Amino acid sequence: MYGIRVRELRRQRGLTQRQLGRLCGVSGAVIGQVERGERLPGRKTEQRLRAVLGALPERPAKPSRRAELLSLLREG
């Protein structure tokens, strides 16, 4: 849910992943990974995301299991 909400907020502001990444000091690829639930942003990046996007959902303790499963399927 975290990544989905980040994507929704980014799109509401009319930003691409690359643009949001630049504003947050990371690559667009990192933003894509966050949106897909493959990784969580670091604390500084999360602060920057909040500054650009506003209120974020509560940060999960770890990336989503769904992303882990999709990763395994792609490898297999």
PDB file of N, CA and C in Angstrom:
ATOM      1  N   MET A   1       0.809  -1.203   0.000  1.00  0.00           N
ATOM      2  CA  MET A   1       0.000   0.000   0.000  1.00  0.00           C
ATOM      3  C   MET A   1       0.856   1.274   0.000  1.00  0.00           C
ATOM      4  N   TYR A   2       2.003   1.209   0.650  1.00  0.00           N
ATOM      5  CA  TYR A   2       2.886   2.379   0.734  1.00  0.00           C
ATOM      6  C   TYR A   2       3.260   2.847  -0.665  1.00  0.00           C
ATOM      7  N   GLY A   3       3.774   1.930  -1.474  1.00  0.00           N
ATOM      8  CA  GLY A   3       4.210   2.282  -2.822  1.00  0.00           C
ATOM      9  C   GLY A   3       3.077   2.767  -3.706  1.00  0.00           C
ATOM     10  N   ILE A   4       1.934   2.145  -3.563  1.00  0.00           N
ATOM     11  CA  ILE A   4       0.766   2.549  -4.356  1.00  0.00           C
ATOM     12  C   ILE A   4       0.391   3.992  -4.021  1.00  0.00           C
ATOM     13  N   ARG A   5       0.446   4.315  -2.740  1.00  0.00           N
ATOM     14  CA  ARG A   5       0.098   5.687  -2.327  1.00  0.00           C
ATOM     15  C   ARG A   5       1.132   6.694  -2.819  1.00  0.00           C
ATOM     16  N   VAL A   6       2.412   6.310  -2.783  1.00  0.00           N
ATOM     17  CA  VAL A   6       3.455   7.195  -3.316  1.00  0.00           C
ATOM     18  C   VAL A   6       3.174   7.463  -4.794  1.00  0.00           C
ATOM     19  N   ARG A   7       2.831   6.430  -5.548  1.00  0.00           N
ATOM     20  CA  ARG A   7       2.524   6.594  -6.979  1.00  0.00           C
ATOM     21  C   ARG A   7       1.332   7.530  -7.179  1.00  0.00           C
ATOM     22  N   GLU A   8       0.275   7.327  -6.389  1.00  0.00           N
ATOM     23  CA  GLU A   8      -0.909   8.176  -6.515  1.00  0.00           C
ATOM     24  C   GLU A   8      -0.568   9.645  -6.253  1.00  0.00           C
ATOM     25  N   LEU A   9       0.187   9.888  -5.195  1.00  0.00           N
ATOM     26  CA  LEU A   9       0.547  11.263  -4.848  1.00  0.00           C
ATOM     27  C   LEU A   9       1.433  11.885  -5.923  1.00  0.00           C
ATOM     28  N   ARG A  10       2.367  11.098  -6.442  1.00  0.00           N
ATOM     29  CA  ARG A  10       3.252  11.594  -7.509  1.00  0.00           C
ATOM     30  C   ARG A  10       2.433  11.977  -8.735  1.00  0.00           C
ATOM     31  N   ARG A  11       1.527  11.113  -9.122  1.00  0.00           N
ATOM     32  CA  ARG A  11       0.703  11.385 -10.311  1.00  0.00           C
ATOM     33  C   ARG A  11      -0.215  12.589 -10.098  1.00  0.00           C
ATOM     34  N   GLN A  12      -0.751  12.735  -8.886  1.00  0.00           N
ATOM     35  CA  GLN A  12      -1.607  13.890  -8.591  1.00  0.00           C
ATOM     36  C   GLN A  12      -0.858  15.199  -8.783  1.00  0.00           C
ATOM     37  N   ARG A  13       0.433  15.169  -8.541  1.00  0.00           N
ATOM     38  CA  ARG A  13       1.251  16.374  -8.698  1.00  0.00           C
ATOM     39  C   ARG A  13       1.831  16.504 -10.096  1.00  0.00           C
ATOM     40  N   GLY A  14       1.483  15.556 -10.967  1.00  0.00           N
ATOM     41  CA  GLY A  14       1.917  15.635 -12.362  1.00  0.00           C
ATOM     42  C   GLY A  14       3.407  15.401 -12.559  1.00  0.00           C
ATOM     43  N   LEU A  15       4.007  14.603 -11.690  1.00  0.00           N
ATOM     44  CA  LEU A  15       5.437  14.339 -11.776  1.00  0.00           C
ATOM     45  C   LEU A  15       5.715  12.953 -12.354  1.00  0.00           C
ATOM     46  N   THR A  16       6.809  12.851 -13.094  1.00  0.00           N
ATOM     47  CA  THR A  16       7.285  11.535 -13.527  1.00  0.00           C
ATOM     48  C   THR A  16       8.140  10.958 -12.401  1.00  0.00           C
ATOM     49  N   GLN A  17       8.456   9.668 -12.509  1.00  0.00           N
ATOM     50  CA  GLN A  17       9.342   9.058 -11.521  1.00  0.00           C
ATOM     51  C   GLN A  17      10.700   9.751 -11.534  1.00  0.00           C
ATOM     52  N   ARG A  18      11.180  10.071 -12.710  1.00  0.00           N
ATOM     53  CA  ARG A  18      12.472  10.746 -12.834  1.00  0.00           C
ATOM     54  C   ARG A  18      12.450  12.117 -12.151  1.00  0.00           C
ATOM     55  N   GLN A  19      11.380  12.879 -12.390  1.00  0.00           N
ATOM     56  CA  GLN A  19      11.279  14.208 -11.785  1.00  0.00           C
ATOM     57  C   GLN A  19      11.223  14.122 -10.259  1.00  0.00           C
ATOM     58  N   LEU A  20      10.418  13.199  -9.756  1.00  0.00           N
ATOM     59  CA  LEU A  20      10.328  13.036  -8.308  1.00  0.00           C
ATOM     60  C   LEU A  20      11.670  12.586  -7.740  1.00  0.00           C
ATOM     61  N   GLY A  21      12.329  11.681  -8.442  1.00  0.00           N
ATOM     62  CA  GLY A  21      13.642  11.244  -8.001  1.00  0.00           C
ATOM     63  C   GLY A  21      14.626  12.393  -7.891  1.00  0.00           C
ATOM     64  N   ARG A  22      14.645  13.248  -8.896  1.00  0.00           N
ATOM     65  CA  ARG A  22      15.547  14.416  -8.860  1.00  0.00           C
ATOM     66  C   ARG A  22      15.249  15.316  -7.668  1.00  0.00           C
ATOM     67  N   LEU A  23      13.972  15.540  -7.403  1.00  0.00           N
ATOM     68  CA  LEU A  23      13.587  16.378  -6.269  1.00  0.00           C
ATOM     69  C   LEU A  23      13.986  15.761  -4.926  1.00  0.00           C
ATOM     70  N   CYS A  24      14.082  14.429  -4.909  1.00  0.00           N
ATOM     71  CA  CYS A  24      14.402  13.717  -3.664  1.00  0.00           C
ATOM     72  C   CYS A  24      15.861  13.270  -3.591  1.00  0.00           C
ATOM     73  N   GLY A  25      16.634  13.534  -4.627  1.00  0.00           N
ATOM     74  CA  GLY A  25      18.044  13.172  -4.604  1.00  0.00           C
ATOM     75  C   GLY A  25      18.331  11.717  -4.900  1.00  0.00           C
ATOM     76  N   VAL A  26      17.409  11.044  -5.590  1.00  0.00           N
ATOM     77  CA  VAL A  26      17.604   9.645  -5.991  1.00  0.00           C
ATOM     78  C   VAL A  26      17.225   9.514  -7.464  1.00  0.00           C
ATOM     79  N   SER A  27      17.456   8.346  -8.022  1.00  0.00           N
ATOM     80  CA  SER A  27      17.102   8.133  -9.426  1.00  0.00           C
ATOM     81  C   SER A  27      15.617   7.814  -9.579  1.00  0.00           C
ATOM     82  N   GLY A  28      15.144   7.950 -10.792  1.00  0.00           N
ATOM     83  CA  GLY A  28      13.770   7.560 -11.096  1.00  0.00           C
ATOM     84  C   GLY A  28      13.562   6.069 -10.884  1.00  0.00           C
ATOM     85  N   ALA A  29      14.628   5.275 -11.097  1.00  0.00           N
ATOM     86  CA  ALA A  29      14.545   3.825 -10.891  1.00  0.00           C
ATOM     87  C   ALA A  29      14.253   3.504  -9.427  1.00  0.00           C
ATOM     88  N   VAL A  30      14.846   4.259  -8.515  1.00  0.00           N
ATOM     89  CA  VAL A  30      14.592   4.042  -7.092  1.00  0.00           C
ATOM     90  C   VAL A  30      13.127   4.346  -6.779  1.00  0.00           C
ATOM     91  N   ILE A  31      12.612   5.415  -7.336  1.00  0.00           N
ATOM     92  CA  ILE A  31      11.195   5.750  -7.123  1.00  0.00           C
ATOM     93  C   ILE A  31      10.314   4.614  -7.647  1.00  0.00           C
ATOM     94  N   GLY A  32      10.650   4.075  -8.809  1.00  0.00           N
ATOM     95  CA  GLY A  32       9.895   2.948  -9.361  1.00  0.00           C
ATOM     96  C   GLY A  32       9.921   1.742  -8.438  1.00  0.00           C
ATOM     97  N   GLN A  33      11.072   1.459  -7.857  1.00  0.00           N
ATOM     98  CA  GLN A  33      11.184   0.327  -6.928  1.00  0.00           C
ATOM     99  C   GLN A  33      10.344   0.553  -5.679  1.00  0.00           C
ATOM    100  N   VAL A  34      10.331   1.776  -5.195  1.00  0.00           N
ATOM    101  CA  VAL A  34       9.500   2.104  -4.031  1.00  0.00           C
ATOM    102  C   VAL A  34       8.028   1.920  -4.389  1.00  0.00           C
ATOM    103  N   GLU A  35       7.626   2.409  -5.552  1.00  0.00           N
ATOM    104  CA  GLU A  35       6.218   2.315  -5.959  1.00  0.00           C
ATOM    105  C   GLU A  35       5.780   0.869  -6.162  1.00  0.00           C
ATOM    106  N   ARG A  36       6.680   0.022  -6.607  1.00  0.00           N
ATOM    107  CA  ARG A  36       6.350  -1.400  -6.808  1.00  0.00           C
ATOM    108  C   ARG A  36       6.479  -2.218  -5.530  1.00  0.00           C
ATOM    109  N   GLY A  37       6.938  -1.591  -4.460  1.00  0.00           N
ATOM    110  CA  GLY A  37       7.074  -2.303  -3.189  1.00  0.00           C
ATOM    111  C   GLY A  37       8.326  -3.146  -3.095  1.00  0.00           C
ATOM    112  N   GLU A  38       9.273  -2.938  -3.996  1.00  0.00           N
ATOM    113  CA  GLU A  38      10.495  -3.729  -4.008  1.00  0.00           C
ATOM    114  C   GLU A  38      11.510  -3.237  -2.982  1.00  0.00           C
ATOM    115  N   ARG A  39      11.406  -1.976  -2.607  1.00  0.00           N
ATOM    116  CA  ARG A  39      12.308  -1.420  -1.601  1.00  0.00           C
ATOM    117  C   ARG A  39      11.618  -0.282  -0.883  1.00  0.00           C
ATOM    118  N   LEU A  40      12.156   0.058   0.258  1.00  0.00           N
ATOM    119  CA  LEU A  40      11.664   1.202   1.009  1.00  0.00           C
ATOM    120  C   LEU A  40      12.671   2.328   0.880  1.00  0.00           C
ATOM    121  N   PRO A  41      12.211   3.558   0.886  1.00  0.00           N
ATOM    122  CA  PRO A  41      13.163   4.669   0.810  1.00  0.00           C
ATOM    123  C   PRO A  41      13.943   4.774   2.118  1.00  0.00           C
ATOM    124  N   GLY A  42      15.156   5.290   2.015  1.00  0.00           N
ATOM    125  CA  GLY A  42      15.916   5.588   3.222  1.00  0.00           C
ATOM    126  C   GLY A  42      15.225   6.703   3.987  1.00  0.00           C
ATOM    127  N   ARG A  43      15.658   6.915   5.200  1.00  0.00           N
ATOM    128  CA  ARG A  43      15.005   7.933   6.040  1.00  0.00           C
ATOM    129  C   ARG A  43      15.088   9.333   5.429  1.00  0.00           C
ATOM    130  N   LYS A  44      16.257   9.697   4.892  1.00  0.00           N
ATOM    131  CA  LYS A  44      16.391  11.025   4.277  1.00  0.00           C
ATOM    132  C   LYS A  44      15.505  11.147   3.044  1.00  0.00           C
ATOM    133  N   THR A  45      15.494  10.091   2.235  1.00  0.00           N
ATOM    134  CA  THR A  45      14.662  10.106   1.031  1.00  0.00           C
ATOM    135  C   THR A  45      13.199  10.187   1.420  1.00  0.00           C
ATOM    136  N   GLU A  46      12.822   9.484   2.468  1.00  0.00           N
ATOM    137  CA  GLU A  46      11.428   9.537   2.908  1.00  0.00           C
ATOM    138  C   GLU A  46      11.062  10.950   3.367  1.00  0.00           C
ATOM    139  N   GLN A  47      11.972  11.626   4.051  1.00  0.00           N
ATOM    140  CA  GLN A  47      11.722  13.005   4.460  1.00  0.00           C
ATOM    141  C   GLN A  47      11.543  13.906   3.243  1.00  0.00           C
ATOM    142  N   ARG A  48      12.356  13.685   2.224  1.00  0.00           N
ATOM    143  CA  ARG A  48      12.244  14.484   1.003  1.00  0.00           C
ATOM    144  C   ARG A  48      10.944  14.171   0.270  1.00  0.00           C
ATOM    145  N   LEU A  49      10.559  12.889   0.233  1.00  0.00           N
ATOM    146  CA  LEU A  49       9.278  12.510  -0.377  1.00  0.00           C
ATOM    147  C   LEU A  49       8.134  13.233   0.323  1.00  0.00           C
ATOM    148  N   ARG A  50       8.188  13.255   1.643  1.00  0.00           N
ATOM    149  CA  ARG A  50       7.138  13.923   2.426  1.00  0.00           C
ATOM    150  C   ARG A  50       7.103  15.419   2.119  1.00  0.00           C
ATOM    151  N   ALA A  51       8.279  16.015   1.945  1.00  0.00           N
ATOM    152  CA  ALA A  51       8.338  17.448   1.646  1.00  0.00           C
ATOM    153  C   ALA A  51       7.720  17.747   0.282  1.00  0.00           C
ATOM    154  N   VAL A  52       7.912  16.847  -0.679  1.00  0.00           N
ATOM    155  CA  VAL A  52       7.395  17.059  -2.036  1.00  0.00           C
ATOM    156  C   VAL A  52       5.940  16.622  -2.157  1.00  0.00           C
ATOM    157  N   LEU A  53       5.609  15.457  -1.591  1.00  0.00           N
ATOM    158  CA  LEU A  53       4.287  14.871  -1.798  1.00  0.00           C
ATOM    159  C   LEU A  53       3.284  15.163  -0.692  1.00  0.00           C
ATOM    160  N   GLY A  54       3.766  15.598   0.452  1.00  0.00           N
ATOM    161  CA  GLY A  54       2.861  15.823   1.578  1.00  0.00           C
ATOM    162  C   GLY A  54       2.788  14.578   2.447  1.00  0.00           C
ATOM    163  N   ALA A  55       1.649  14.352   3.047  1.00  0.00           N
ATOM    164  CA  ALA A  55       1.475  13.235   3.974  1.00  0.00           C
ATOM    165  C   ALA A  55       1.655  11.897   3.277  1.00  0.00           C
ATOM    166  N   LEU A  56       2.515  11.074   3.832  1.00  0.00           N
ATOM    167  CA  LEU A  56       2.725   9.718   3.324  1.00  0.00           C
ATOM    168  C   LEU A  56       2.072   8.730   4.281  1.00  0.00           C
ATOM    169  N   PRO A  57       1.739   7.544   3.778  1.00  0.00           N
ATOM    170  CA  PRO A  57       1.212   6.533   4.694  1.00  0.00           C
ATOM    171  C   PRO A  57       2.317   6.081   5.651  1.00  0.00           C
ATOM    172  N   GLU A  58       1.932   5.364   6.673  1.00  0.00           N
ATOM    173  CA  GLU A  58       2.920   4.844   7.614  1.00  0.00           C
ATOM    174  C   GLU A  58       3.874   3.911   6.879  1.00  0.00           C
ATOM    175  N   ARG A  59       5.134   4.072   7.158  1.00  0.00           N
ATOM    176  CA  ARG A  59       6.176   3.282   6.502  1.00  0.00           C
ATOM    177  C   ARG A  59       6.142   1.849   7.026  1.00  0.00           C
ATOM    178  N   PRO A  60       6.058   0.872   6.133  1.00  0.00           N
ATOM    179  CA  PRO A  60       6.082  -0.526   6.587  1.00  0.00           C
ATOM    180  C   PRO A  60       7.470  -0.890   7.112  1.00  0.00           C
ATOM    181  N   ALA A  61       7.546  -1.962   7.871  1.00  0.00           N
ATOM    182  CA  ALA A  61       8.821  -2.393   8.448  1.00  0.00           C
ATOM    183  C   ALA A  61       9.770  -2.941   7.386  1.00  0.00           C
ATOM    184  N   LYS A  62       9.205  -3.540   6.342  1.00  0.00           N
ATOM    185  CA  LYS A  62      10.032  -4.105   5.275  1.00  0.00           C
ATOM    186  C   LYS A  62       9.264  -4.069   3.960  1.00  0.00           C
ATOM    187  N   PRO A  63       9.974  -4.269   2.831  1.00  0.00           N
ATOM    188  CA  PRO A  63       9.284  -4.271   1.533  1.00  0.00           C
ATOM    189  C   PRO A  63       8.168  -5.313   1.501  1.00  0.00           C
ATOM    190  N   SER A  64       7.251  -5.143   0.575  1.00  0.00           N
ATOM    191  CA  SER A  64       6.098  -6.035   0.523  1.00  0.00           C
ATOM    192  C   SER A  64       6.482  -7.436   0.086  1.00  0.00           C
ATOM    193  N   ARG A  65       5.803  -8.412   0.631  1.00  0.00           N
ATOM    194  CA  ARG A  65       6.042  -9.811   0.265  1.00  0.00           C
ATOM    195  C   ARG A  65       5.652 -10.040  -1.193  1.00  0.00           C
ATOM    196  N   ARG A  66       4.664  -9.315  -1.654  1.00  0.00           N
ATOM    197  CA  ARG A  66       4.241  -9.450  -3.047  1.00  0.00           C
ATOM    198  C   ARG A  66       5.407  -9.150  -3.982  1.00  0.00           C
ATOM    199  N   ALA A  67       6.158  -8.119  -3.672  1.00  0.00           N
ATOM    200  CA  ALA A  67       7.314  -7.754  -4.495  1.00  0.00           C
ATOM    201  C   ALA A  67       8.361  -8.862  -4.454  1.00  0.00           C
ATOM    202  N   GLU A  68       8.545  -9.471  -3.280  1.00  0.00           N
ATOM    203  CA  GLU A  68       9.495 -10.573  -3.173  1.00  0.00           C
ATOM    204  C   GLU A  68       9.058 -11.739  -4.048  1.00  0.00           C
ATOM    205  N   LEU A  69       7.774 -12.065  -4.026  1.00  0.00           N
ATOM    206  CA  LEU A  69       7.261 -13.165  -4.831  1.00  0.00           C
ATOM    207  C   LEU A  69       7.407 -12.880  -6.324  1.00  0.00           C
ATOM    208  N   LEU A  70       7.099 -11.663  -6.737  1.00  0.00           N
ATOM    209  CA  LEU A  70       7.235 -11.305  -8.137  1.00  0.00           C
ATOM    210  C   LEU A  70       8.694 -11.409  -8.589  1.00  0.00           C
ATOM    211  N   SER A  71       9.596 -11.034  -7.727  1.00  0.00           N
ATOM    212  CA  SER A  71      11.020 -11.138  -8.015  1.00  0.00           C
ATOM    213  C   SER A  71      11.428 -12.577  -8.241  1.00  0.00           C
ATOM    214  N   LEU A  72      10.949 -13.458  -7.389  1.00  0.00           N
ATOM    215  CA  LEU A  72      11.275 -14.879  -7.537  1.00  0.00           C
ATOM    216  C   LEU A  72      10.707 -15.448  -8.831  1.00  0.00           C
ATOM    217  N   LEU A  73       9.502 -15.043  -9.171  1.00  0.00           N
ATOM    218  CA  LEU A  73       8.880 -15.529 -10.406  1.00  0.00           C
ATOM    219  C   LEU A  73       9.658 -15.059 -11.629  1.00  0.00           C
ATOM    220  N   ARG A  74      10.146 -13.833 -11.600  1.00  0.00           N
ATOM    221  CA  ARG A  74      10.912 -13.315 -12.734  1.00  0.00           C
ATOM    222  C   ARG A  74      12.214 -14.075 -12.905  1.00  0.00           C
ATOM    223  N   GLU A  75      12.836 -14.451 -11.788  1.00  0.00           N
ATOM    224  CA  GLU A  75      14.108 -15.169 -11.848  1.00  0.00           C
ATOM    225  C   GLU A  75      13.910 -16.604 -12.336  1.00  0.00           C
ATOM    226  N   GLY A  76      12.779 -17.204 -11.943  1.00  0.00           N
ATOM    227  CA  GLY A  76      12.540 -18.623 -12.187  1.00  0.00           C
ATOM    228  C   GLY A  76      12.133 -18.957 -13.550  1.00  0.00           C
TER     229      GLY A  76
END
